[in-house]
């Protein structure tokens, strides 16, 4: 699971490093054909989306194993993931439709596109992922409390063993 988080971090870091080149070569280049832009979007953004999806599935699988592979937990985790992705996709589409009339080219500060005001769907889009991340963290904590212990310190040890610190770090990103 740590490999998936590292892969996503490296992929997004690379995206940040090469974003200026993307603007210059793809979006500002009048010679770039529509098919070139489509292929670029497909290659760059779809691969990032798939990598993030794989990372989420790895996290869900880890929590599922923590719960001793109980069927009801599997359905809860994958069902909640499906619901979160449906809600997220809805808000992404809504945010994309809301942002289109708000876009303008800013050649004074950032030399790129920005929007005049924030789309109303944007906080809901980010909030959906945040709530799902919080749900995964809560499931991990509940698993630690679900096991029989003789001392309270064993709960903290179980949380550390189950990767609670990693979930908190992922939640902060």
C-alpha atoms as a PDB file:
ATOM      1  CA  UNK A   1       0.000   0.000   0.000  1.00  0.00           C
ATOM      2  CA  UNK A   2       2.849   2.371   0.682  1.00  0.00           C
ATOM      3  CA  UNK A   3       4.010   1.750  -2.869  1.00  0.00           C
ATOM      4  CA  UNK A   4       0.707   3.068  -4.222  1.00  0.00           C
ATOM      5  CA  UNK A   5       0.938   6.216  -2.085  1.00  0.00           C
ATOM      6  CA  UNK A   6       4.519   6.799  -3.216  1.00  0.00           C
ATOM      7  CA  UNK A   7       3.553   6.240  -6.859  1.00  0.00           C
ATOM      8  CA  UNK A   8       0.720   8.773  -6.620  1.00  0.00           C
ATOM      9  CA  UNK A   9       2.994  11.287  -4.889  1.00  0.00           C
ATOM     10  CA  UNK A  10       5.692  10.925  -7.550  1.00  0.00           C
ATOM     11  CA  UNK A  11       3.147  11.137 -10.358  1.00  0.00           C
ATOM     12  CA  UNK A  12       1.559  14.297  -8.979  1.00  0.00           C
ATOM     13  CA  UNK A  13       4.982  15.816  -8.230  1.00  0.00           C
ATOM     14  CA  UNK A  14       5.969  15.183 -11.842  1.00  0.00           C
ATOM     15  CA  UNK A  15       2.745  16.821 -12.954  1.00  0.00           C
ATOM     16  CA  UNK A  16       3.547  19.948 -10.943  1.00  0.00           C
ATOM     17  CA  UNK A  17       7.094  20.063 -12.328  1.00  0.00           C
ATOM     18  CA  UNK A  18       5.977  19.786 -15.949  1.00  0.00           C
ATOM     19  CA  UNK A  19       2.780  21.837 -15.779  1.00  0.00           C
ATOM     20  CA  UNK A  20       4.452  24.945 -17.281  1.00  0.00           C
ATOM     21  CA  UNK A  21       5.601  22.876 -20.262  1.00  0.00           C
ATOM     22  CA  UNK A  22       2.074  21.483 -20.641  1.00  0.00           C
ATOM     23  CA  UNK A  23       0.647  25.009 -20.810  1.00  0.00           C
ATOM     24  CA  UNK A  24       3.228  26.143 -23.370  1.00  0.00           C
ATOM     25  CA  UNK A  25       3.298  23.093 -25.619  1.00  0.00           C
ATOM     26  CA  UNK A  26      -0.311  21.916 -25.497  1.00  0.00           C
ATOM     27  CA  UNK A  27      -2.668  24.689 -24.440  1.00  0.00           C
ATOM     28  CA  UNK A  28      -0.984  27.839 -25.788  1.00  0.00           C
ATOM     29  CA  UNK A  29       0.351  26.253 -28.951  1.00  0.00           C
ATOM     30  CA  UNK A  30      -2.002  27.192 -31.786  1.00  0.00           C
ATOM     31  CA  UNK A  31      -0.333  24.563 -33.943  1.00  0.00           C
ATOM     32  CA  UNK A  32      -1.441  21.726 -31.647  1.00  0.00           C
ATOM     33  CA  UNK A  33      -4.312  19.890 -33.290  1.00  0.00           C
ATOM     34  CA  UNK A  34      -7.438  18.950 -31.392  1.00  0.00           C
ATOM     35  CA  UNK A  35      -6.545  15.266 -31.673  1.00  0.00           C
ATOM     36  CA  UNK A  36      -3.125  15.991 -30.112  1.00  0.00           C
ATOM     37  CA  UNK A  37      -4.794  17.716 -27.179  1.00  0.00           C
ATOM     38  CA  UNK A  38      -7.249  14.864 -26.765  1.00  0.00           C
ATOM     39  CA  UNK A  39      -4.448  12.279 -26.781  1.00  0.00           C
ATOM     40  CA  UNK A  40      -2.517  14.379 -24.267  1.00  0.00           C
ATOM     41  CA  UNK A  41      -5.509  14.647 -21.918  1.00  0.00           C
ATOM     42  CA  UNK A  42      -6.161  10.922 -22.263  1.00  0.00           C
ATOM     43  CA  UNK A  43      -2.523  10.003 -21.612  1.00  0.00           C
ATOM     44  CA  UNK A  44      -1.769  12.409 -18.802  1.00  0.00           C
ATOM     45  CA  UNK A  45      -4.953  12.803 -16.826  1.00  0.00           C
ATOM     46  CA  UNK A  46      -6.447   9.346 -17.293  1.00  0.00           C
ATOM     47  CA  UNK A  47      -3.211   7.711 -16.105  1.00  0.00           C
ATOM     48  CA  UNK A  48      -3.224   9.916 -13.006  1.00  0.00           C
ATOM     49  CA  UNK A  49      -6.855   9.072 -12.348  1.00  0.00           C
ATOM     50  CA  UNK A  50      -6.150   5.359 -12.666  1.00  0.00           C
ATOM     51  CA  UNK A  51      -3.159   5.617 -10.322  1.00  0.00           C
ATOM     52  CA  UNK A  52      -5.238   7.418  -7.696  1.00  0.00           C
ATOM     53  CA  UNK A  53      -7.984   4.796  -8.116  1.00  0.00           C
ATOM     54  CA  UNK A  54      -5.447   2.000  -7.590  1.00  0.00           C
ATOM     55  CA  UNK A  55      -4.129   3.727  -4.468  1.00  0.00           C
ATOM     56  CA  UNK A  56      -7.657   3.960  -3.030  1.00  0.00           C
ATOM     57  CA  UNK A  57      -8.312   0.297  -3.797  1.00  0.00           C
ATOM     58  CA  UNK A  58      -5.027  -0.602  -2.053  1.00  0.00           C
ATOM     59  CA  UNK A  59      -6.105   1.358   1.025  1.00  0.00           C
ATOM     60  CA  UNK A  60      -9.548  -0.263   0.997  1.00  0.00           C
ATOM     61  CA  UNK A  61      -7.968  -3.707   0.649  1.00  0.00           C
ATOM     62  CA  UNK A  62      -5.728  -2.995   3.623  1.00  0.00           C
ATOM     63  CA  UNK A  63      -8.682  -2.024   5.816  1.00  0.00           C
ATOM     64  CA  UNK A  64     -10.575  -5.099   4.600  1.00  0.00           C
ATOM     65  CA  UNK A  65      -7.689  -7.343   5.679  1.00  0.00           C
ATOM     66  CA  UNK A  66      -7.571  -5.589   9.070  1.00  0.00           C
ATOM     67  CA  UNK A  67     -11.162  -6.658   9.607  1.00  0.00           C
ATOM     68  CA  UNK A  68     -10.180 -10.295   9.005  1.00  0.00           C
ATOM     69  CA  UNK A  69     -11.748 -10.300   5.534  1.00  0.00           C
ATOM     70  CA  UNK A  70     -15.322 -10.189   6.809  1.00  0.00           C
ATOM     71  CA  UNK A  71     -17.849 -10.177   3.977  1.00  0.00           C
ATOM     72  CA  UNK A  72     -20.016  -7.451   5.500  1.00  0.00           C
ATOM     73  CA  UNK A  73     -16.972  -5.162   5.823  1.00  0.00           C
ATOM     74  CA  UNK A  74     -16.055  -5.851   2.189  1.00  0.00           C
ATOM     75  CA  UNK A  75     -19.514  -4.766   1.069  1.00  0.00           C
ATOM     76  CA  UNK A  76     -19.436  -1.706   3.320  1.00  0.00           C
ATOM     77  CA  UNK A  77     -16.000  -0.613   2.061  1.00  0.00           C
ATOM     78  CA  UNK A  78     -16.510  -1.229  -1.636  1.00  0.00           C
ATOM     79  CA  UNK A  79     -20.094   0.035  -1.505  1.00  0.00           C
ATOM     80  CA  UNK A  80     -19.027   3.259   0.181  1.00  0.00           C
ATOM     81  CA  UNK A  81     -16.203   3.606  -2.354  1.00  0.00           C
ATOM     82  CA  UNK A  82     -18.687   3.185  -5.211  1.00  0.00           C
ATOM     83  CA  UNK A  83     -21.083   5.729  -3.710  1.00  0.00           C
ATOM     84  CA  UNK A  84     -18.224   8.187  -3.111  1.00  0.00           C
ATOM     85  CA  UNK A  85     -17.020   7.819  -6.718  1.00  0.00           C
ATOM     86  CA  UNK A  86     -20.540   8.351  -8.103  1.00  0.00           C
ATOM     87  CA  UNK A  87     -20.977  11.469  -5.970  1.00  0.00           C
ATOM     88  CA  UNK A  88     -17.475  12.669  -6.881  1.00  0.00           C
ATOM     89  CA  UNK A  89     -18.070  12.142 -10.605  1.00  0.00           C
ATOM     90  CA  UNK A  90     -21.325  14.087 -10.361  1.00  0.00           C
ATOM     91  CA  UNK A  91     -19.628  17.029  -8.651  1.00  0.00           C
ATOM     92  CA  UNK A  92     -16.673  16.916 -11.077  1.00  0.00           C
ATOM     93  CA  UNK A  93     -19.066  17.155 -14.041  1.00  0.00           C
ATOM     94  CA  UNK A  94     -21.017  19.915 -12.328  1.00  0.00           C
ATOM     95  CA  UNK A  95     -17.840  21.843 -11.442  1.00  0.00           C
ATOM     96  CA  UNK A  96     -16.581  21.487 -15.020  1.00  0.00           C
ATOM     97  CA  UNK A  97     -19.828  22.889 -16.405  1.00  0.00           C
ATOM     98  CA  UNK A  98     -19.818  25.716 -13.845  1.00  0.00           C
ATOM     99  CA  UNK A  99     -16.204  26.708 -14.451  1.00  0.00           C
ATOM    100  CA  UNK A 100     -16.451  27.040 -18.242  1.00  0.00           C
ATOM    101  CA  UNK A 101     -18.182  30.466 -18.278  1.00  0.00           C
ATOM    102  CA  UNK A 102     -15.872  31.689 -15.502  1.00  0.00           C
ATOM    103  CA  UNK A 103     -12.582  30.978 -17.309  1.00  0.00           C
ATOM    104  CA  UNK A 104     -10.339  33.733 -18.586  1.00  0.00           C
ATOM    105  CA  UNK A 105      -6.760  33.944 -19.739  1.00  0.00           C
ATOM    106  CA  UNK A 106      -4.573  35.726 -17.173  1.00  0.00           C
ATOM    107  CA  UNK A 107      -1.414  36.958 -18.871  1.00  0.00           C
ATOM    108  CA  UNK A 108      -0.435  39.347 -16.075  1.00  0.00           C
ATOM    109  CA  UNK A 109       0.310  37.033 -13.170  1.00  0.00           C
ATOM    110  CA  UNK A 110       0.193  33.342 -13.990  1.00  0.00           C
ATOM    111  CA  UNK A 111       0.210  33.340 -17.792  1.00  0.00           C
ATOM    112  CA  UNK A 112      -2.508  30.758 -17.886  1.00  0.00           C
ATOM    113  CA  UNK A 113      -6.202  30.216 -17.406  1.00  0.00           C
ATOM    114  CA  UNK A 114      -7.910  31.001 -14.149  1.00  0.00           C
ATOM    115  CA  UNK A 115     -11.490  31.639 -13.199  1.00  0.00           C
ATOM    116  CA  UNK A 116     -13.201  34.723 -11.831  1.00  0.00           C
ATOM    117  CA  UNK A 117     -14.929  32.923  -8.992  1.00  0.00           C
ATOM    118  CA  UNK A 118     -14.888  29.462  -7.505  1.00  0.00           C
ATOM    119  CA  UNK A 119     -17.489  27.036  -8.879  1.00  0.00           C
ATOM    120  CA  UNK A 120     -20.096  26.113  -6.272  1.00  0.00           C
ATOM    121  CA  UNK A 121     -19.518  22.390  -6.836  1.00  0.00           C
ATOM    122  CA  UNK A 122     -15.755  22.539  -6.111  1.00  0.00           C
ATOM    123  CA  UNK A 123     -15.984  22.341  -2.280  1.00  0.00           C
ATOM    124  CA  UNK A 124     -18.433  19.441  -2.578  1.00  0.00           C
ATOM    125  CA  UNK A 125     -16.038  17.663  -4.926  1.00  0.00           C
ATOM    126  CA  UNK A 126     -13.151  17.976  -2.483  1.00  0.00           C
ATOM    127  CA  UNK A 127     -15.447  17.334   0.470  1.00  0.00           C
ATOM    128  CA  UNK A 128     -16.587  14.012  -0.994  1.00  0.00           C
ATOM    129  CA  UNK A 129     -13.027  12.701  -1.008  1.00  0.00           C
ATOM    130  CA  UNK A 130     -12.355  14.129   2.446  1.00  0.00           C
ATOM    131  CA  UNK A 131     -15.434  12.459   3.912  1.00  0.00           C
ATOM    132  CA  UNK A 132     -14.502   9.135   2.309  1.00  0.00           C
ATOM    133  CA  UNK A 133     -10.943   9.433   3.675  1.00  0.00           C
ATOM    134  CA  UNK A 134     -12.345  10.182   7.116  1.00  0.00           C
ATOM    135  CA  UNK A 135     -14.627   7.134   6.809  1.00  0.00           C
ATOM    136  CA  UNK A 136     -11.607   4.906   6.072  1.00  0.00           C
ATOM    137  CA  UNK A 137      -9.748   6.313   9.087  1.00  0.00           C
ATOM    138  CA  UNK A 138     -12.795   5.717  11.299  1.00  0.00           C
ATOM    139  CA  UNK A 139     -13.072   2.125  10.026  1.00  0.00           C
ATOM    140  CA  UNK A 140      -9.428   1.571  10.988  1.00  0.00           C
ATOM    141  CA  UNK A 141      -9.977   3.009  14.468  1.00  0.00           C
ATOM    142  CA  UNK A 142     -13.144   0.968  14.959  1.00  0.00           C
ATOM    143  CA  UNK A 143     -11.227  -2.160  14.019  1.00  0.00           C
ATOM    144  CA  UNK A 144      -8.659  -1.412  16.720  1.00  0.00           C
ATOM    145  CA  UNK A 145     -11.413  -0.965  19.322  1.00  0.00           C
ATOM    146  CA  UNK A 146     -13.327  -4.019  18.071  1.00  0.00           C
ATOM    147  CA  UNK A 147     -10.642  -6.438  19.241  1.00  0.00           C
ATOM    148  CA  UNK A 148     -10.517  -7.605  22.863  1.00  0.00           C
ATOM    149  CA  UNK A 149      -7.705  -5.983  24.869  1.00  0.00           C
ATOM    150  CA  UNK A 150      -6.551  -6.158  28.447  1.00  0.00           C
ATOM    151  CA  UNK A 151      -5.016  -2.679  28.508  1.00  0.00           C
ATOM    152  CA  UNK A 152      -5.875   0.573  26.773  1.00  0.00           C
ATOM    153  CA  UNK A 153      -2.274   0.869  25.508  1.00  0.00           C
ATOM    154  CA  UNK A 154      -2.863  -2.199  23.322  1.00  0.00           C
ATOM    155  CA  UNK A 155      -5.383  -0.175  21.300  1.00  0.00           C
ATOM    156  CA  UNK A 156      -2.724   2.442  20.496  1.00  0.00           C
ATOM    157  CA  UNK A 157      -0.274  -0.307  19.567  1.00  0.00           C
ATOM    158  CA  UNK A 158      -2.888  -1.891  17.286  1.00  0.00           C
ATOM    159  CA  UNK A 159      -3.587   1.461  15.620  1.00  0.00           C
ATOM    160  CA  UNK A 160       0.119   1.976  14.990  1.00  0.00           C
ATOM    161  CA  UNK A 161       0.429  -1.556  13.618  1.00  0.00           C
ATOM    162  CA  UNK A 162      -2.606  -1.050  11.386  1.00  0.00           C
ATOM    163  CA  UNK A 163      -1.059   2.044   9.826  1.00  0.00           C
ATOM    164  CA  UNK A 164      -3.135   4.787  11.451  1.00  0.00           C
ATOM    165  CA  UNK A 165      -0.325   7.292  11.034  1.00  0.00           C
ATOM    166  CA  UNK A 166      -0.154   6.562   7.305  1.00  0.00           C
ATOM    167  CA  UNK A 167      -3.919   7.065   6.965  1.00  0.00           C
ATOM    168  CA  UNK A 168      -3.653  10.380   8.781  1.00  0.00           C
ATOM    169  CA  UNK A 169      -0.804  11.424   6.471  1.00  0.00           C
ATOM    170  CA  UNK A 170      -2.850  10.459   3.405  1.00  0.00           C
ATOM    171  CA  UNK A 171      -5.861  12.305   4.805  1.00  0.00           C
ATOM    172  CA  UNK A 172      -3.834  15.520   5.127  1.00  0.00           C
ATOM    173  CA  UNK A 173      -2.823  15.504   1.430  1.00  0.00           C
END
